[in-house]
């Protein structure tokens, strides 16, 4: 087979052969014009022509998704040719260009998806003079979220290569931090764990305690989803220690909020205490979004403690604040929690309206995991006494579809529930 690839390679022009070699050095699994431009420096039109030529030479194949992949063992052959022809400096530069490509794209995507008010330790790429924002003004958030979904495995492969390189820790943790914008909307817990663990490792190597604290705190979320409670607790303990050492009120508030999430199902009073501390720190720092989210979580903690009537005003205040801040994801999540509080307080019709509004808001902004949670809560009411079981089944089926797409362990429970209809 190597002889076949060698014969095809020898039939290429110098420019085509160079792209073939450089793609062999690319850490990811598939490429489009963007990666071809990135590794080679060619203009987009030339890069597309080169990809066509490599496809015609039966070294690459184009998939149904429009992305190109090496045929068979052609990647190994391309890498061998690169080792023979390309200088050490050029091989190093390919990885540097790939890392910069994803650091920049992910930073702008994070900004578009999560907004300017999100706490970020990094995000330096968007502040560079002349930095290009690829997501435009129209449907900016959905465009960026779509890019993250399509590019997530490529970005993760590049992140891993940057960490393994050893000299790109500063870029690596910033890439990891930006990529969490995807996981906070679509979950994918195993990929989320890998992203945050690699980022935390890079932040520690870069001696940046703030970045390490943030990534370790966020790492606790997918670990809890996957049932790895001891590891989640260890990551949170380290994150709290690091955040306290920085003295940054917003960072301490974030870690305390996530600490509350850990205690939510274990000790409701301890969860509420963590949320109250997070709220106070956010207010101290003047972070309106952080305060609104902390208030939303406090309402959730009060629900867990059975204090539904006390939770309702907290959640209404949080929902109003997040609406004014134009944070549809946070608002939608809060509406779901509000529905639970109203349900517990006996305001059943108001609860149903809150669930319906939550589904609409979360669907509009494609926060699929949280839409699934709202649908699940709504279906329980829809199928209640005198309810519509067919509609409830449709709602649960949609929730199951979203959980499955996001790799949520909750999908197993919904399959069993749907089997009972």
Protein backbone atom coordinates (compact mmCIF):
# COMPACT_ATOMS: atom_id res chain seq x y z
CA UNK A 1 0.00 0.00 0.00
CA UNK A 2 2.92 2.37 0.73
CA UNK A 3 4.05 1.96 -2.88
CA UNK A 4 0.63 3.08 -4.09
CA UNK A 5 0.79 6.22 -1.94
CA UNK A 6 4.36 6.89 -3.01
CA UNK A 7 3.40 6.66 -6.68
CA UNK A 8 0.47 9.04 -6.15
CA UNK A 9 2.67 11.41 -4.16
CA UNK A 10 5.35 11.51 -6.84
CA UNK A 11 2.70 12.54 -9.36
CA UNK A 12 1.80 15.69 -7.41
CA UNK A 13 2.97 19.20 -8.14
CA UNK A 14 5.31 20.79 -5.58
CA UNK A 15 2.46 22.82 -4.06
CA UNK A 16 0.15 19.81 -3.84
CA UNK A 17 2.90 17.67 -2.32
CA UNK A 18 3.64 20.31 0.29
CA UNK A 19 0.01 20.46 1.44
CA UNK A 20 -0.09 16.67 1.59
CA UNK A 21 2.98 16.62 3.85
CA UNK A 22 1.71 19.39 6.10
CA UNK A 23 -1.70 17.77 6.48
CA UNK A 24 0.18 14.72 7.74
CA UNK A 25 1.41 16.90 10.60
CA UNK A 26 -2.05 18.24 11.44
CA UNK A 27 -3.15 16.74 14.81
CA UNK A 28 -6.84 16.40 13.99
CA UNK A 29 -8.89 13.87 12.09
CA UNK A 30 -10.42 15.79 9.17
CA UNK A 31 -9.93 19.11 7.42
CA UNK A 32 -11.80 21.66 5.40
CA UNK A 33 -10.58 24.77 3.60
CA UNK A 34 -9.98 26.50 6.93
CA UNK A 35 -7.43 23.95 8.13
CA UNK A 36 -5.85 23.72 4.67
CA UNK A 37 -5.32 27.49 4.69
CA UNK A 38 -4.05 27.29 8.25
CA UNK A 39 -1.34 24.68 7.70
CA UNK A 40 -0.19 25.88 4.27
CA UNK A 41 -0.74 29.63 4.21
CA UNK A 42 -2.47 29.35 0.81
CA UNK A 43 -5.45 31.54 -0.02
CA UNK A 44 -8.87 29.83 0.25
CA UNK A 45 -9.36 29.38 -3.50
CA UNK A 46 -5.92 27.80 -3.94
CA UNK A 47 -6.42 25.61 -0.85
CA UNK A 48 -9.66 24.24 -2.29
CA UNK A 49 -7.98 23.44 -5.60
CA UNK A 50 -5.19 21.64 -3.75
CA UNK A 51 -7.68 19.58 -1.77
CA UNK A 52 -9.45 18.62 -5.00
CA UNK A 53 -6.09 17.54 -6.45
CA UNK A 54 -5.27 15.36 -3.44
CA UNK A 55 -8.71 13.80 -3.70
CA UNK A 56 -8.18 13.11 -7.42
CA UNK A 57 -4.85 11.47 -6.50
CA UNK A 58 -6.77 9.18 -4.11
CA UNK A 59 -4.82 10.40 -1.10
CA UNK A 60 -7.79 12.19 0.47
CA UNK A 61 -11.52 11.56 0.32
CA UNK A 62 -14.33 14.02 0.88
CA UNK A 63 -17.02 12.91 3.31
CA UNK A 64 -20.71 13.74 3.23
CA UNK A 65 -19.98 16.51 5.73
CA UNK A 66 -17.74 18.26 3.19
CA UNK A 67 -14.58 17.54 5.18
CA UNK A 68 -11.54 15.71 3.84
CA UNK A 69 -9.87 12.68 5.43
CA UNK A 70 -6.83 10.63 4.52
CA UNK A 71 -7.49 7.40 2.67
CA UNK A 72 -6.26 4.31 4.47
CA UNK A 73 -2.73 4.71 5.79
CA UNK A 74 -2.02 7.81 3.72
CA UNK A 75 -1.71 9.90 6.89
CA UNK A 76 1.28 7.86 8.06
CA UNK A 77 2.81 8.14 4.60
CA UNK A 78 2.29 11.91 4.57
CA UNK A 79 3.87 12.22 8.01
CA UNK A 80 6.88 10.16 6.87
CA UNK A 81 7.35 12.45 3.87
CA UNK A 82 7.09 15.51 6.12
CA UNK A 83 9.79 14.10 8.41
CA UNK A 84 12.09 13.67 5.42
CA UNK A 85 11.42 16.96 3.64
CA UNK A 86 10.22 19.60 6.12
CA UNK A 87 12.62 21.30 8.50
CA UNK A 88 12.24 21.05 12.27
CA UNK A 89 11.19 24.71 12.30
CA UNK A 90 8.45 24.13 9.73
CA UNK A 91 7.09 21.09 11.54
CA UNK A 92 6.97 23.14 14.73
CA UNK A 93 5.32 26.03 12.91
CA UNK A 94 2.50 23.80 11.61
CA UNK A 95 1.41 22.96 15.15
CA UNK A 96 1.77 26.59 16.21
CA UNK A 97 -0.48 27.68 13.33
CA UNK A 98 -3.05 25.00 14.15
CA UNK A 99 -3.12 25.99 17.81
CA UNK A 100 -3.49 29.66 16.93
CA UNK A 101 -6.27 28.85 14.46
CA UNK A 102 -8.34 27.13 17.12
CA UNK A 103 -7.43 29.47 19.97
CA UNK A 104 -8.68 32.39 17.88
CA UNK A 105 -11.78 30.69 16.49
CA UNK A 106 -12.81 29.28 19.86
CA UNK A 107 -12.26 32.62 21.62
CA UNK A 108 -14.57 34.43 19.21
CA UNK A 109 -17.07 31.56 19.38
CA UNK A 110 -17.07 31.72 23.19
CA UNK A 111 -17.71 35.45 23.02
CA UNK A 112 -20.57 35.01 20.57
CA UNK A 113 -22.20 32.12 22.45
CA UNK A 114 -21.77 33.25 26.06
CA UNK A 115 -21.64 37.04 25.67
CA UNK A 116 -19.25 39.66 26.96
CA UNK A 117 -20.30 39.38 30.61
CA UNK A 118 -19.03 35.83 31.11
CA UNK A 119 -16.07 35.53 33.47
CA UNK A 120 -12.97 34.73 31.42
CA UNK A 121 -9.38 34.42 32.56
CA UNK A 122 -8.06 34.24 29.00
CA UNK A 123 -9.65 35.24 25.71
CA UNK A 124 -6.57 37.17 24.66
CA UNK A 125 -7.06 36.30 20.99
CA UNK A 126 -10.12 38.53 20.56
CA UNK A 127 -8.17 41.53 21.86
CA UNK A 128 -5.28 41.26 19.42
CA UNK A 129 -5.04 44.14 16.95
CA UNK A 130 -6.63 43.16 13.65
CA UNK A 131 -8.08 39.91 15.00
CA UNK A 132 -10.78 38.64 12.63
CA UNK A 133 -14.18 37.67 14.03
CA UNK A 134 -15.51 34.92 11.71
CA UNK A 135 -19.06 34.90 13.06
CA UNK A 136 -20.44 38.23 11.82
CA UNK A 137 -23.50 39.99 13.20
CA UNK A 138 -26.47 37.98 11.87
CA UNK A 139 -27.38 34.87 13.90
CA UNK A 140 -23.99 35.30 15.52
CA UNK A 141 -24.64 33.05 18.51
CA UNK A 142 -26.09 30.16 16.50
CA UNK A 143 -23.34 30.44 13.88
CA UNK A 144 -20.66 30.23 16.58
CA UNK A 145 -22.38 27.36 18.38
CA UNK A 146 -22.61 25.46 15.09
CA UNK A 147 -18.90 25.99 14.49
CA UNK A 148 -18.06 24.64 17.94
CA UNK A 149 -20.21 21.56 17.37
CA UNK A 150 -18.58 20.79 14.01
CA UNK A 151 -15.02 21.57 15.10
CA UNK A 152 -15.08 20.18 18.65
CA UNK A 153 -13.15 16.95 18.01
CA UNK A 154 -10.59 18.72 15.85
CA UNK A 155 -10.13 21.39 18.51
CA UNK A 156 -9.76 18.76 21.22
CA UNK A 157 -7.09 16.93 19.19
CA UNK A 158 -5.20 20.19 18.70
CA UNK A 159 -5.56 20.98 22.42
CA UNK A 160 -4.11 17.58 23.33
CA UNK A 161 -1.20 18.08 20.91
CA UNK A 162 -0.49 21.52 22.40
CA UNK A 163 -0.40 20.11 25.94
CA UNK A 164 1.81 17.19 24.90
CA UNK A 165 4.16 19.61 23.14
CA UNK A 166 5.08 21.15 26.47
CA UNK A 167 5.85 24.64 25.20
CA UNK A 168 2.34 25.87 24.42
CA UNK A 169 0.73 25.76 27.84
CA UNK A 170 -0.37 29.40 27.71
CA UNK A 171 -2.28 28.91 24.46
CA UNK A 172 -3.60 25.50 25.51
CA UNK A 173 -5.49 26.53 28.63
CA UNK A 174 -7.03 29.47 26.79
CA UNK A 175 -8.30 27.11 24.10
CA UNK A 176 -9.75 24.81 26.77
CA UNK A 177 -11.46 27.69 28.55
CA UNK A 178 -13.08 28.90 25.33
CA UNK A 179 -14.25 25.42 24.34
CA UNK A 180 -16.31 25.13 27.52
CA UNK A 181 -18.82 27.47 25.85
CA UNK A 182 -19.94 24.44 23.84
CA UNK A 183 -20.20 22.09 26.79
CA UNK A 184 -22.21 24.52 28.89
CA UNK A 185 -24.88 24.33 26.18
CA UNK A 186 -24.58 20.80 24.77
CA UNK A 187 -22.88 18.83 27.59
CA UNK A 188 -20.94 15.94 25.89
CA UNK A 189 -19.53 15.02 29.33
CA UNK A 190 -16.62 12.79 28.31
CA UNK A 191 -15.29 15.39 25.87
CA UNK A 192 -15.89 18.07 28.49
CA UNK A 193 -13.80 16.14 31.03
CA UNK A 194 -10.94 15.78 28.54
CA UNK A 195 -11.10 19.48 27.63
CA UNK A 196 -11.04 20.78 31.21
CA UNK A 197 -8.48 18.24 32.46
CA UNK A 198 -6.07 19.13 29.65
CA UNK A 199 -6.71 22.83 30.21
CA UNK A 200 -6.12 22.58 33.96
CA UNK A 201 -2.86 20.70 33.33
CA UNK A 202 -1.74 23.42 30.93
CA UNK A 203 -2.75 26.22 33.33
CA UNK A 204 -0.71 24.59 36.11
CA UNK A 205 2.27 24.33 33.75
CA UNK A 206 1.80 28.00 32.83
CA UNK A 207 1.66 28.85 36.57
CA UNK A 208 -1.70 30.58 36.20
CA UNK A 209 -3.72 29.76 39.34
CA UNK A 210 -6.80 31.69 38.19
CA UNK A 211 -7.08 29.71 34.96
CA UNK A 212 -6.38 26.45 36.77
CA UNK A 213 -9.04 27.23 39.40
CA UNK A 214 -11.64 28.03 36.78
CA UNK A 215 -10.99 24.92 34.72
CA UNK A 216 -10.87 22.59 37.72
CA UNK A 217 -14.13 24.04 39.04
CA UNK A 218 -15.79 23.56 35.64
CA UNK A 219 -14.33 20.05 35.44
CA UNK A 220 -16.46 19.07 38.42
CA UNK A 221 -19.64 19.49 36.34
CA UNK A 222 -19.13 16.66 33.80
CA UNK A 223 -17.49 14.49 36.45
CA UNK A 224 -20.70 14.67 38.48
CA UNK A 225 -22.72 13.88 35.35
CA UNK A 226 -20.59 10.76 34.90
CA UNK A 227 -20.92 9.74 38.54
CA UNK A 228 -17.25 10.38 39.41
CA UNK A 229 -18.09 12.06 42.70
CA UNK A 230 -14.76 11.62 44.51
CA UNK A 231 -12.80 13.10 41.64
CA UNK A 232 -15.30 15.97 41.32
CA UNK A 233 -14.89 16.73 45.03
CA UNK A 234 -11.10 16.69 44.72
CA UNK A 235 -11.17 19.06 41.74
CA UNK A 236 -13.48 21.44 43.57
CA UNK A 237 -11.33 21.43 46.71
CA UNK A 238 -8.27 22.33 44.64
CA UNK A 239 -10.22 24.97 42.71
CA UNK A 240 -11.48 26.60 45.91
CA UNK A 241 -7.94 26.68 47.30
CA UNK A 242 -6.55 28.27 44.14
CA UNK A 243 -9.39 30.77 43.79
CA UNK A 244 -9.05 31.91 47.40
CA UNK A 245 -5.33 32.47 46.82
CA UNK A 246 -6.02 34.79 43.85
CA UNK A 247 -8.30 37.07 45.87
CA UNK A 248 -10.47 37.54 42.76
CA UNK A 249 -14.06 37.95 43.99
CA UNK A 250 -15.65 36.85 40.70
CA UNK A 251 -13.50 33.73 40.49
CA UNK A 252 -14.21 32.85 44.10
CA UNK A 253 -17.92 33.38 43.40
CA UNK A 254 -17.76 31.01 40.41
CA UNK A 255 -16.04 28.25 42.36
CA UNK A 256 -18.45 28.62 45.28
CA UNK A 257 -21.39 28.40 42.89
CA UNK A 258 -20.03 25.15 41.49
CA UNK A 259 -19.33 23.92 45.00
CA UNK A 260 -23.02 24.53 45.69
CA UNK A 261 -23.88 22.42 42.67
CA UNK A 262 -21.92 19.55 44.24
CA UNK A 263 -23.85 19.84 47.51
CA UNK A 264 -27.23 20.36 45.81
CA UNK A 265 -28.31 16.71 46.07
CA UNK A 266 -26.24 15.90 49.17
CA UNK A 267 -26.79 18.72 51.66
CA UNK A 268 -29.31 21.38 50.60
CA UNK A 269 -28.44 23.73 53.48
CA UNK A 270 -24.75 23.60 52.60
CA UNK A 271 -25.60 24.21 48.95
CA UNK A 272 -27.67 27.28 49.86
CA UNK A 273 -24.82 28.62 52.01
CA UNK A 274 -22.42 28.27 49.06
CA UNK A 275 -24.89 30.00 46.71
CA UNK A 276 -25.43 32.85 49.19
CA UNK A 277 -21.67 33.38 49.43
CA UNK A 278 -21.42 33.32 45.65
CA UNK A 279 -24.21 35.87 45.37
CA UNK A 280 -22.55 38.20 47.91
CA UNK A 281 -19.18 38.02 46.13
CA UNK A 282 -20.73 38.70 42.72
CA UNK A 283 -22.58 41.71 44.10
CA UNK A 284 -19.35 42.90 45.73
CA UNK A 285 -17.58 42.62 42.38
CA UNK A 286 -20.41 44.37 40.51
CA UNK A 287 -21.05 41.32 38.32
CA UNK A 288 -24.76 41.57 37.49
CA UNK A 289 -24.84 38.36 35.44
CA UNK A 290 -22.93 36.38 38.02
CA UNK A 291 -25.23 37.66 40.75
CA UNK A 292 -28.35 36.75 38.75
CA UNK A 293 -27.07 33.22 38.14
CA UNK A 294 -26.10 32.82 41.80
CA UNK A 295 -29.60 33.95 42.78
CA UNK A 296 -31.06 31.40 40.37
CA UNK A 297 -28.96 28.65 41.93
CA UNK A 298 -29.98 29.84 45.39
CA UNK A 299 -33.60 29.39 44.34
CA UNK A 300 -32.72 25.89 43.19
CA UNK A 301 -31.07 25.15 46.53
CA UNK A 302 -34.14 26.40 48.37
CA UNK A 303 -36.26 24.03 46.28
CA UNK A 304 -33.97 21.16 47.30
CA UNK A 305 -34.51 22.22 50.93
CA UNK A 306 -38.29 22.17 50.42
CA UNK A 307 -38.58 25.95 50.84
CA UNK A 308 -40.57 26.48 47.64
CA UNK A 309 -42.41 29.67 48.62
CA UNK A 310 -39.11 31.28 49.62
CA UNK A 311 -37.52 30.15 46.35
CA UNK A 312 -40.17 31.74 44.08
CA UNK A 313 -39.27 35.43 44.63
CA UNK A 314 -35.54 34.67 44.32
CA UNK A 315 -36.14 32.93 41.01
CA UNK A 316 -38.46 35.60 39.66
CA UNK A 317 -35.83 38.24 40.47
CA UNK A 318 -33.13 36.15 38.78
CA UNK A 319 -35.29 35.54 35.69
CA UNK A 320 -36.06 39.26 35.34
CA UNK A 321 -32.39 40.20 35.70
CA UNK A 322 -31.24 37.64 33.14
CA UNK A 323 -33.94 38.78 30.72
CA UNK A 324 -32.70 42.38 31.04
CA UNK A 325 -29.12 41.15 30.55
CA UNK A 326 -30.23 39.37 27.35
CA UNK A 327 -29.01 35.98 28.58
CA UNK A 328 -31.58 33.54 27.11
CA UNK A 329 -29.72 30.47 28.31
CA UNK A 330 -29.56 31.64 31.92
CA UNK A 331 -33.15 32.90 31.74
CA UNK A 332 -34.41 29.60 30.34
CA UNK A 333 -32.63 27.55 32.99
CA UNK A 334 -34.07 29.82 35.68
CA UNK A 335 -37.58 29.40 34.28
CA UNK A 336 -37.23 25.62 34.58
CA UNK A 337 -36.21 25.94 38.23
CA UNK A 338 -39.03 28.46 38.76
CA UNK A 339 -41.48 25.89 37.40
CA UNK A 340 -40.29 23.43 40.02
CA UNK A 341 -40.64 26.03 42.78
CA UNK A 342 -44.14 26.97 41.65
CA UNK A 343 -45.05 23.31 41.41
CA UNK A 344 -43.88 22.78 44.98
CA UNK A 345 -45.77 25.86 46.13
CA UNK A 346 -49.00 24.53 44.59
CA UNK A 347 -49.21 27.10 41.76
CA UNK A 348 -49.67 24.43 39.10
CA UNK A 349 -50.86 26.55 36.15
CA UNK A 350 -48.02 29.06 36.69
CA UNK A 351 -45.58 26.15 36.84
CA UNK A 352 -46.70 24.83 33.46
CA UNK A 353 -46.34 28.30 31.91
CA UNK A 354 -42.83 28.59 33.32
CA UNK A 355 -41.87 25.21 31.84
CA UNK A 356 -43.33 26.15 28.44
CA UNK A 357 -41.50 29.49 28.45
CA UNK A 358 -38.29 27.70 29.42
CA UNK A 359 -38.58 25.23 26.53
CA UNK A 360 -39.16 28.08 24.07
CA UNK A 361 -36.25 30.20 25.34
CA UNK A 362 -33.79 27.31 25.45
CA UNK A 363 -34.79 25.98 22.04
CA UNK A 364 -34.33 29.44 20.52
CA UNK A 365 -30.76 29.66 21.77
CA UNK A 366 -30.01 25.93 21.15
CA UNK A 367 -29.09 25.21 24.78
CA UNK A 368 -30.08 21.63 24.11
CA UNK A 369 -29.26 20.00 27.45
CA UNK A 370 -31.32 22.53 29.37
CA UNK A 371 -34.12 22.32 26.82
CA UNK A 372 -34.24 18.58 27.52
CA UNK A 373 -34.53 19.23 31.25
CA UNK A 374 -37.41 21.65 30.68
CA UNK A 375 -39.16 19.23 28.33
CA UNK A 376 -38.85 16.43 30.86
CA UNK A 377 -40.41 18.60 33.58
CA UNK A 378 -43.18 19.75 31.21
CA UNK A 379 -43.96 16.18 30.12
CA UNK A 380 -44.61 15.17 33.72
CA UNK A 381 -47.41 17.72 33.84
CA UNK A 382 -48.68 16.98 30.38
CA UNK A 383 -49.14 13.31 31.29
CA UNK A 384 -50.77 14.08 34.65
CA UNK A 385 -54.36 13.26 35.63
CA UNK A 386 -56.64 14.07 32.69
CA UNK A 387 -53.59 15.00 30.60
CA UNK A 388 -52.46 14.22 27.07
CA UNK A 389 -50.21 11.16 27.04
CA UNK A 390 -49.48 11.42 23.30
CA UNK A 391 -48.12 14.94 23.69
CA UNK A 392 -46.16 13.92 26.79
CA UNK A 393 -44.63 11.04 24.84
CA UNK A 394 -43.56 13.47 22.09
CA UNK A 395 -42.01 15.79 24.67
CA UNK A 396 -40.09 12.96 26.30
CA UNK A 397 -38.97 11.62 22.92
CA UNK A 398 -37.56 15.03 22.05
CA UNK A 399 -35.84 15.23 25.44
CA UNK A 400 -34.37 11.76 24.91
CA UNK A 401 -33.07 12.78 21.48
CA UNK A 402 -31.32 15.80 23.00
CA UNK A 403 -29.87 13.81 25.90
CA UNK A 404 -28.54 11.15 23.52
CA UNK A 405 -26.95 13.76 21.26
CA UNK A 406 -25.25 15.29 24.29
CA UNK A 407 -24.09 11.98 25.75
CA UNK A 408 -26.10 12.48 28.94
CA UNK A 409 -26.49 9.49 31.31
CA UNK A 410 -30.05 10.78 31.79
CA UNK A 411 -30.92 9.18 28.45
CA UNK A 412 -31.10 5.72 30.02
CA UNK A 413 -33.76 6.83 32.50
CA UNK A 414 -35.88 8.40 29.75
CA UNK A 415 -35.73 5.27 27.62
CA UNK A 416 -37.13 3.28 30.50
CA UNK A 417 -39.78 5.93 31.14
CA UNK A 418 -40.88 6.01 27.50
CA UNK A 419 -41.16 2.20 27.49
CA UNK A 420 -43.91 2.53 30.10
CA UNK A 421 -46.16 4.60 27.79
